Amino acid sequence: MQMSFKLGILTMAFAMITSVSCQNKPAGAHDGPITEQKFDATIKGDKLVMVDFYTTWCGPCKKMAPFVQQISENHGKDVIVLKVDAEAQATIADRYRLEGYPTVIFFKNGQVIGRVLGYQTYENLSGFVDRFK
């Protein structure tokens, strides 16, 4: 085979693999889209709300997704966890001038009470929940 043909095949295979892997979500990761109305109603309550702003192509977001799910499962009495795809839900994400992904913002009574940028471990997220609840 000619070198350019092999290179073409490899390029096409890489493009197919990366487009599929960026669309797949890890098991137990982020749910479907949230409406602006549901988002606004949820953050206005007096219960702590943790919002995970992520994108489908973000490696650290995918790595952190199981920890976000664990927070929802283990701290459900203390916090409501929302997951917002910042590209699919740009009208929500644009309100908070995100500087990168993942960004986790904590709300109480409709007010931002905490914000953290970048990959966080379960322990870090749990610590924020305990601090803000």
N, C-alpha and C. Protein backbone atom coordinates (compact mmCIF):
# COMPACT_ATOMS: atom_id res chain seq x y z
N MET A 1 0.84 -1.19 0.00
CA MET A 1 0.00 0.00 0.00
C MET A 1 0.87 1.24 0.00
N GLN A 2 0.33 2.26 -0.59
CA GLN A 2 1.06 3.51 -0.59
C GLN A 2 0.91 4.19 0.77
N MET A 3 1.93 4.97 1.11
CA MET A 3 1.95 5.65 2.41
C MET A 3 0.77 6.60 2.55
N SER A 4 0.41 7.33 1.52
CA SER A 4 -0.68 8.30 1.64
C SER A 4 -2.02 7.60 1.85
N PHE A 5 -2.19 6.41 1.26
CA PHE A 5 -3.42 5.65 1.45
C PHE A 5 -3.53 5.18 2.91
N LYS A 6 -2.43 4.67 3.44
CA LYS A 6 -2.41 4.23 4.84
C LYS A 6 -2.70 5.40 5.78
N LEU A 7 -2.09 6.53 5.49
CA LEU A 7 -2.32 7.71 6.31
C LEU A 7 -3.79 8.13 6.26
N GLY A 8 -4.39 8.04 5.08
CA GLY A 8 -5.80 8.39 4.92
C GLY A 8 -6.69 7.47 5.74
N ILE A 9 -6.40 6.17 5.70
CA ILE A 9 -7.17 5.19 6.47
C ILE A 9 -7.03 5.46 7.97
N LEU A 10 -5.82 5.70 8.43
CA LEU A 10 -5.59 5.99 9.84
C LEU A 10 -6.31 7.27 10.28
N THR A 11 -6.25 8.29 9.45
CA THR A 11 -6.92 9.55 9.77
C THR A 11 -8.42 9.36 9.88
N MET A 12 -8.99 8.61 8.94
CA MET A 12 -10.42 8.36 8.96
C MET A 12 -10.82 7.54 10.20
N ALA A 13 -10.03 6.54 10.53
CA ALA A 13 -10.32 5.72 11.71
C ALA A 13 -10.25 6.56 12.98
N PHE A 14 -9.24 7.41 13.09
CA PHE A 14 -9.11 8.27 14.26
C PHE A 14 -10.31 9.21 14.38
N ALA A 15 -10.74 9.78 13.27
CA ALA A 15 -11.88 10.70 13.28
C ALA A 15 -13.15 9.98 13.74
N MET A 16 -13.34 8.75 13.29
CA MET A 16 -14.53 8.00 13.69
C MET A 16 -14.48 7.65 15.18
N ILE A 17 -13.33 7.23 15.65
CA ILE A 17 -13.19 6.85 17.06
C ILE A 17 -13.40 8.05 17.96
N THR A 18 -12.79 9.18 17.64
CA THR A 18 -12.91 10.35 18.52
C THR A 18 -14.31 10.92 18.48
N SER A 19 -14.99 10.88 17.36
CA SER A 19 -16.35 11.43 17.32
C SER A 19 -17.30 10.55 18.13
N VAL A 20 -17.10 9.25 18.11
CA VAL A 20 -17.94 8.36 18.91
C VAL A 20 -17.62 8.50 20.39
N SER A 21 -16.34 8.55 20.76
CA SER A 21 -15.99 8.60 22.18
C SER A 21 -16.39 9.92 22.81
N CYS A 22 -16.43 10.99 22.05
CA CYS A 22 -16.84 12.28 22.61
C CYS A 22 -18.34 12.35 22.80
N GLN A 23 -19.08 11.52 22.09
CA GLN A 23 -20.53 11.54 22.23
C GLN A 23 -21.01 10.60 23.31
N ASN A 24 -20.25 9.58 23.60
CA ASN A 24 -20.65 8.63 24.63
C ASN A 24 -20.42 9.22 26.00
N LYS A 25 -21.33 8.97 26.89
CA LYS A 25 -21.19 9.44 28.26
C LYS A 25 -20.87 8.25 29.14
N PRO A 26 -20.03 8.44 30.13
CA PRO A 26 -19.72 7.34 31.02
C PRO A 26 -20.97 6.84 31.73
N ALA A 27 -20.97 5.58 32.06
CA ALA A 27 -22.11 5.00 32.77
C ALA A 27 -22.37 5.77 34.05
N GLY A 28 -23.64 6.09 34.28
CA GLY A 28 -24.01 6.81 35.49
C GLY A 28 -23.60 8.27 35.49
N ALA A 29 -23.22 8.78 34.34
CA ALA A 29 -22.75 10.16 34.28
C ALA A 29 -23.92 11.12 34.13
N HIS A 30 -23.73 12.11 33.32
CA HIS A 30 -24.68 13.19 33.20
C HIS A 30 -25.96 12.77 32.51
N ASP A 31 -27.06 13.29 33.04
CA ASP A 31 -28.37 13.00 32.51
C ASP A 31 -28.69 13.93 31.34
N GLY A 32 -29.94 13.84 30.88
CA GLY A 32 -30.38 14.66 29.76
C GLY A 32 -30.43 16.14 30.12
N PRO A 33 -30.80 16.96 29.14
CA PRO A 33 -30.80 18.40 29.34
C PRO A 33 -31.84 18.86 30.37
N ILE A 34 -31.55 19.98 30.98
CA ILE A 34 -32.45 20.57 31.96
C ILE A 34 -33.01 21.85 31.35
N THR A 35 -34.25 22.14 31.62
CA THR A 35 -34.85 23.37 31.10
C THR A 35 -34.45 24.55 31.97
N GLU A 36 -34.51 25.75 31.39
CA GLU A 36 -34.22 26.95 32.17
C GLU A 36 -35.19 27.09 33.33
N GLN A 37 -36.45 26.76 33.09
CA GLN A 37 -37.46 26.89 34.13
C GLN A 37 -37.16 25.97 35.31
N LYS A 38 -36.80 24.72 35.01
CA LYS A 38 -36.48 23.77 36.09
C LYS A 38 -35.22 24.22 36.82
N PHE A 39 -34.23 24.67 36.06
CA PHE A 39 -32.98 25.14 36.67
C PHE A 39 -33.27 26.29 37.64
N ASP A 40 -33.99 27.31 37.16
CA ASP A 40 -34.29 28.49 37.99
C ASP A 40 -35.09 28.12 39.24
N ALA A 41 -36.08 27.26 39.07
CA ALA A 41 -36.90 26.85 40.21
C ALA A 41 -36.07 26.08 41.23
N THR A 42 -35.17 25.25 40.77
CA THR A 42 -34.37 24.42 41.67
C THR A 42 -33.38 25.25 42.47
N ILE A 43 -32.68 26.19 41.83
CA ILE A 43 -31.65 26.95 42.56
C ILE A 43 -32.25 27.97 43.51
N LYS A 44 -33.53 28.30 43.36
CA LYS A 44 -34.16 29.30 44.23
C LYS A 44 -34.57 28.74 45.59
N GLY A 45 -34.55 27.44 45.74
CA GLY A 45 -34.95 26.84 47.01
C GLY A 45 -33.93 27.08 48.10
N ASP A 46 -34.31 26.75 49.34
CA ASP A 46 -33.40 26.96 50.46
C ASP A 46 -32.45 25.78 50.68
N LYS A 47 -32.62 24.72 49.90
CA LYS A 47 -31.70 23.58 49.98
C LYS A 47 -30.48 23.86 49.10
N LEU A 48 -29.33 23.40 49.53
CA LEU A 48 -28.10 23.54 48.76
C LEU A 48 -28.25 22.86 47.40
N VAL A 49 -27.80 23.54 46.35
CA VAL A 49 -27.82 22.98 45.00
C VAL A 49 -26.39 23.03 44.45
N MET A 50 -25.91 21.90 43.97
CA MET A 50 -24.60 21.80 43.35
C MET A 50 -24.83 21.60 41.85
N VAL A 51 -24.31 22.53 41.05
CA VAL A 51 -24.48 22.44 39.60
C VAL A 51 -23.14 22.14 38.96
N ASP A 52 -23.09 21.02 38.24
CA ASP A 52 -21.90 20.61 37.51
C ASP A 52 -22.07 21.07 36.06
N PHE A 53 -21.31 22.09 35.66
CA PHE A 53 -21.30 22.55 34.27
C PHE A 53 -20.19 21.78 33.56
N TYR A 54 -20.56 21.01 32.56
CA TYR A 54 -19.61 20.14 31.85
C TYR A 54 -19.82 20.28 30.34
N THR A 55 -18.93 19.68 29.58
CA THR A 55 -19.13 19.52 28.13
C THR A 55 -18.86 18.07 27.79
N THR A 56 -19.42 17.64 26.68
CA THR A 56 -19.29 16.23 26.28
C THR A 56 -17.87 15.89 25.84
N TRP A 57 -17.09 16.87 25.41
CA TRP A 57 -15.74 16.61 24.90
C TRP A 57 -14.66 16.76 25.97
N CYS A 58 -15.04 17.16 27.17
CA CYS A 58 -14.09 17.48 28.23
C CYS A 58 -13.63 16.23 28.98
N GLY A 59 -12.36 15.90 28.88
CA GLY A 59 -11.81 14.74 29.58
C GLY A 59 -11.95 14.80 31.09
N PRO A 60 -11.54 15.92 31.72
CA PRO A 60 -11.71 16.02 33.17
C PRO A 60 -13.18 15.93 33.60
N CYS A 61 -14.09 16.43 32.76
CA CYS A 61 -15.52 16.33 33.08
C CYS A 61 -15.95 14.88 33.14
N LYS A 62 -15.50 14.10 32.16
CA LYS A 62 -15.85 12.68 32.12
C LYS A 62 -15.26 11.94 33.31
N LYS A 63 -14.04 12.31 33.67
CA LYS A 63 -13.37 11.65 34.79
C LYS A 63 -14.05 11.99 36.12
N MET A 64 -14.61 13.19 36.22
CA MET A 64 -15.25 13.64 37.44
C MET A 64 -16.70 13.18 37.55
N ALA A 65 -17.32 12.82 36.43
CA ALA A 65 -18.75 12.48 36.41
C ALA A 65 -19.16 11.42 37.45
N PRO A 66 -18.40 10.35 37.65
CA PRO A 66 -18.80 9.38 38.67
C PRO A 66 -18.83 9.98 40.09
N PHE A 67 -17.94 10.93 40.36
CA PHE A 67 -17.91 11.57 41.67
C PHE A 67 -19.16 12.44 41.87
N VAL A 68 -19.56 13.12 40.81
CA VAL A 68 -20.78 13.94 40.88
C VAL A 68 -21.98 13.04 41.16
N GLN A 69 -22.02 11.89 40.49
CA GLN A 69 -23.11 10.94 40.70
C GLN A 69 -23.09 10.42 42.14
N GLN A 70 -21.90 10.14 42.67
CA GLN A 70 -21.78 9.67 44.05
C GLN A 70 -22.25 10.72 45.05
N ILE A 71 -21.97 11.99 44.77
CA ILE A 71 -22.45 13.06 45.65
C ILE A 71 -23.97 13.04 45.68
N SER A 72 -24.57 12.89 44.52
CA SER A 72 -26.04 12.83 44.43
C SER A 72 -26.59 11.66 45.24
N GLU A 73 -25.94 10.52 45.14
CA GLU A 73 -26.40 9.31 45.83
C GLU A 73 -26.12 9.36 47.33
N ASN A 74 -24.94 9.83 47.73
CA ASN A 74 -24.52 9.77 49.13
C ASN A 74 -24.92 10.99 49.97
N HIS A 75 -25.19 12.11 49.32
CA HIS A 75 -25.51 13.35 50.05
C HIS A 75 -26.87 13.90 49.65
N GLY A 76 -27.75 13.03 49.17
CA GLY A 76 -29.06 13.46 48.67
C GLY A 76 -29.89 14.23 49.68
N LYS A 77 -29.69 13.97 50.95
CA LYS A 77 -30.47 14.71 51.96
C LYS A 77 -29.94 16.13 52.16
N ASP A 78 -28.70 16.36 51.77
CA ASP A 78 -28.06 17.66 51.98
C ASP A 78 -28.00 18.54 50.74
N VAL A 79 -28.04 17.93 49.56
CA VAL A 79 -27.79 18.70 48.34
C VAL A 79 -28.59 18.15 47.16
N ILE A 80 -29.01 19.05 46.30
CA ILE A 80 -29.60 18.68 45.02
C ILE A 80 -28.49 18.84 43.99
N VAL A 81 -28.27 17.83 43.17
CA VAL A 81 -27.22 17.87 42.16
C VAL A 81 -27.85 18.03 40.78
N LEU A 82 -27.45 19.09 40.09
CA LEU A 82 -27.86 19.30 38.71
C LEU A 82 -26.65 19.19 37.81
N LYS A 83 -26.85 18.62 36.64
CA LYS A 83 -25.78 18.47 35.67
C LYS A 83 -26.20 19.23 34.42
N VAL A 84 -25.39 20.20 34.01
CA VAL A 84 -25.74 21.06 32.88
C VAL A 84 -24.66 20.97 31.81
N ASP A 85 -25.04 20.49 30.63
CA ASP A 85 -24.13 20.50 29.49
C ASP A 85 -24.02 21.95 29.04
N ALA A 86 -22.87 22.55 29.26
CA ALA A 86 -22.69 23.99 29.04
C ALA A 86 -22.84 24.40 27.58
N GLU A 87 -22.65 23.48 26.66
CA GLU A 87 -22.84 23.82 25.25
C GLU A 87 -24.29 23.64 24.84
N ALA A 88 -24.92 22.57 25.27
CA ALA A 88 -26.33 22.33 24.93
C ALA A 88 -27.25 23.31 25.65
N GLN A 89 -26.85 23.75 26.83
CA GLN A 89 -27.64 24.67 27.63
C GLN A 89 -26.89 26.00 27.81
N ALA A 90 -26.48 26.57 26.68
CA ALA A 90 -25.66 27.78 26.71
C ALA A 90 -26.35 28.95 27.38
N THR A 91 -27.67 29.05 27.28
CA THR A 91 -28.36 30.17 27.91
C THR A 91 -28.23 30.12 29.43
N ILE A 92 -28.19 28.93 29.99
CA ILE A 92 -27.98 28.80 31.43
C ILE A 92 -26.51 29.06 31.75
N ALA A 93 -25.61 28.40 31.04
CA ALA A 93 -24.18 28.51 31.32
C ALA A 93 -23.65 29.93 31.15
N ASP A 94 -24.16 30.65 30.15
CA ASP A 94 -23.66 32.00 29.88
C ASP A 94 -23.91 32.97 31.04
N ARG A 95 -24.90 32.70 31.85
CA ARG A 95 -25.20 33.57 32.99
C ARG A 95 -24.04 33.64 33.98
N TYR A 96 -23.24 32.58 34.03
CA TYR A 96 -22.24 32.44 35.09
C TYR A 96 -20.81 32.63 34.59
N ARG A 97 -20.65 33.07 33.36
CA ARG A 97 -19.33 33.41 32.79
C ARG A 97 -18.27 32.36 33.14
N LEU A 98 -18.53 31.16 32.69
CA LEU A 98 -17.63 30.05 32.98
C LEU A 98 -16.29 30.27 32.29
N GLU A 99 -15.23 29.98 33.00
CA GLU A 99 -13.87 30.16 32.47
C GLU A 99 -13.27 28.85 31.99
N GLY A 100 -13.90 27.73 32.25
CA GLY A 100 -13.40 26.44 31.84
C GLY A 100 -14.31 25.36 32.35
N TYR A 101 -13.95 24.13 32.02
CA TYR A 101 -14.77 22.97 32.39
C TYR A 101 -13.90 21.91 33.02
N PRO A 102 -14.45 21.19 33.97
CA PRO A 102 -15.74 21.40 34.60
C PRO A 102 -15.71 22.59 35.54
N THR A 103 -16.87 23.20 35.72
CA THR A 103 -17.07 24.22 36.74
C THR A 103 -18.24 23.77 37.59
N VAL A 104 -18.04 23.77 38.89
CA VAL A 104 -19.11 23.42 39.82
C VAL A 104 -19.47 24.68 40.59
N ILE A 105 -20.77 25.00 40.57
CA ILE A 105 -21.25 26.18 41.29
C ILE A 105 -22.29 25.73 42.31
N PHE A 106 -22.18 26.26 43.52
CA PHE A 106 -23.10 25.95 44.60
C PHE A 106 -24.04 27.12 44.81
N PHE A 107 -25.34 26.81 44.95
CA PHE A 107 -26.39 27.82 45.12
C PHE A 107 -27.19 27.54 46.39
N LYS A 108 -27.68 28.62 46.97
CA LYS A 108 -28.66 28.53 48.04
C LYS A 108 -29.54 29.77 47.93
N ASN A 109 -30.85 29.57 47.95
CA ASN A 109 -31.80 30.68 47.83
C ASN A 109 -31.54 31.52 46.58
N GLY A 110 -31.15 30.88 45.50
CA GLY A 110 -30.93 31.57 44.24
C GLY A 110 -29.61 32.30 44.12
N GLN A 111 -28.79 32.27 45.17
CA GLN A 111 -27.52 32.99 45.18
C GLN A 111 -26.34 32.03 45.06
N VAL A 112 -25.31 32.45 44.32
CA VAL A 112 -24.08 31.68 44.24
C VAL A 112 -23.36 31.82 45.58
N ILE A 113 -23.08 30.68 46.21
CA ILE A 113 -22.37 30.72 47.49
C ILE A 113 -20.99 30.08 47.41
N GLY A 114 -20.69 29.46 46.26
CA GLY A 114 -19.38 28.87 46.07
C GLY A 114 -19.20 28.44 44.63
N ARG A 115 -17.93 28.38 44.22
CA ARG A 115 -17.63 28.01 42.84
C ARG A 115 -16.23 27.41 42.80
N VAL A 116 -16.09 26.36 42.01
CA VAL A 116 -14.78 25.73 41.86
C VAL A 116 -14.59 25.35 40.39
N LEU A 117 -13.41 25.62 39.88
CA LEU A 117 -13.09 25.35 38.48
C LEU A 117 -12.11 24.19 38.39
N GLY A 118 -12.38 23.27 37.47
CA GLY A 118 -11.47 22.18 37.20
C GLY A 118 -11.87 20.88 37.90
N TYR A 119 -11.14 19.85 37.55
CA TYR A 119 -11.38 18.51 38.08
C TYR A 119 -11.32 18.50 39.60
N GLN A 120 -12.31 17.85 40.21
CA GLN A 120 -12.35 17.71 41.67
C GLN A 120 -12.54 16.25 42.03
N THR A 121 -11.91 15.82 43.10
CA THR A 121 -12.11 14.47 43.60
C THR A 121 -13.44 14.39 44.34
N TYR A 122 -13.87 13.19 44.62
CA TYR A 122 -15.07 13.00 45.43
C TYR A 122 -14.91 13.67 46.79
N GLU A 123 -13.74 13.51 47.38
CA GLU A 123 -13.49 14.08 48.70
C GLU A 123 -13.62 15.60 48.68
N ASN A 124 -13.10 16.25 47.64
CA ASN A 124 -13.20 17.70 47.52
C ASN A 124 -14.66 18.13 47.40
N LEU A 125 -15.40 17.47 46.50
CA LEU A 125 -16.81 17.81 46.30
C LEU A 125 -17.61 17.59 47.59
N SER A 126 -17.34 16.48 48.25
CA SER A 126 -18.02 16.17 49.50
C SER A 126 -17.72 17.23 50.56
N GLY A 127 -16.49 17.68 50.59
CA GLY A 127 -16.09 18.73 51.54
C GLY A 127 -16.84 20.03 51.29
N PHE A 128 -17.02 20.39 50.01
CA PHE A 128 -17.79 21.60 49.69
C PHE A 128 -19.24 21.46 50.14
N VAL A 129 -19.82 20.29 49.89
CA VAL A 129 -21.21 20.05 50.31
C VAL A 129 -21.31 20.20 51.82
N ASP A 130 -20.40 19.60 52.55
CA ASP A 130 -20.44 19.68 54.01
C ASP A 130 -20.28 21.13 54.49
N ARG A 131 -19.45 21.89 53.82
CA ARG A 131 -19.20 23.28 54.21
C ARG A 131 -20.41 24.17 53.95
N PHE A 132 -21.09 23.94 52.82
CA PHE A 132 -22.16 24.85 52.40
C PHE A 132 -23.57 24.45 52.84
N LYS A 133 -23.76 23.19 53.29
CA LYS A 133 -25.13 22.72 53.58
C LYS A 133 -25.85 23.46 54.68
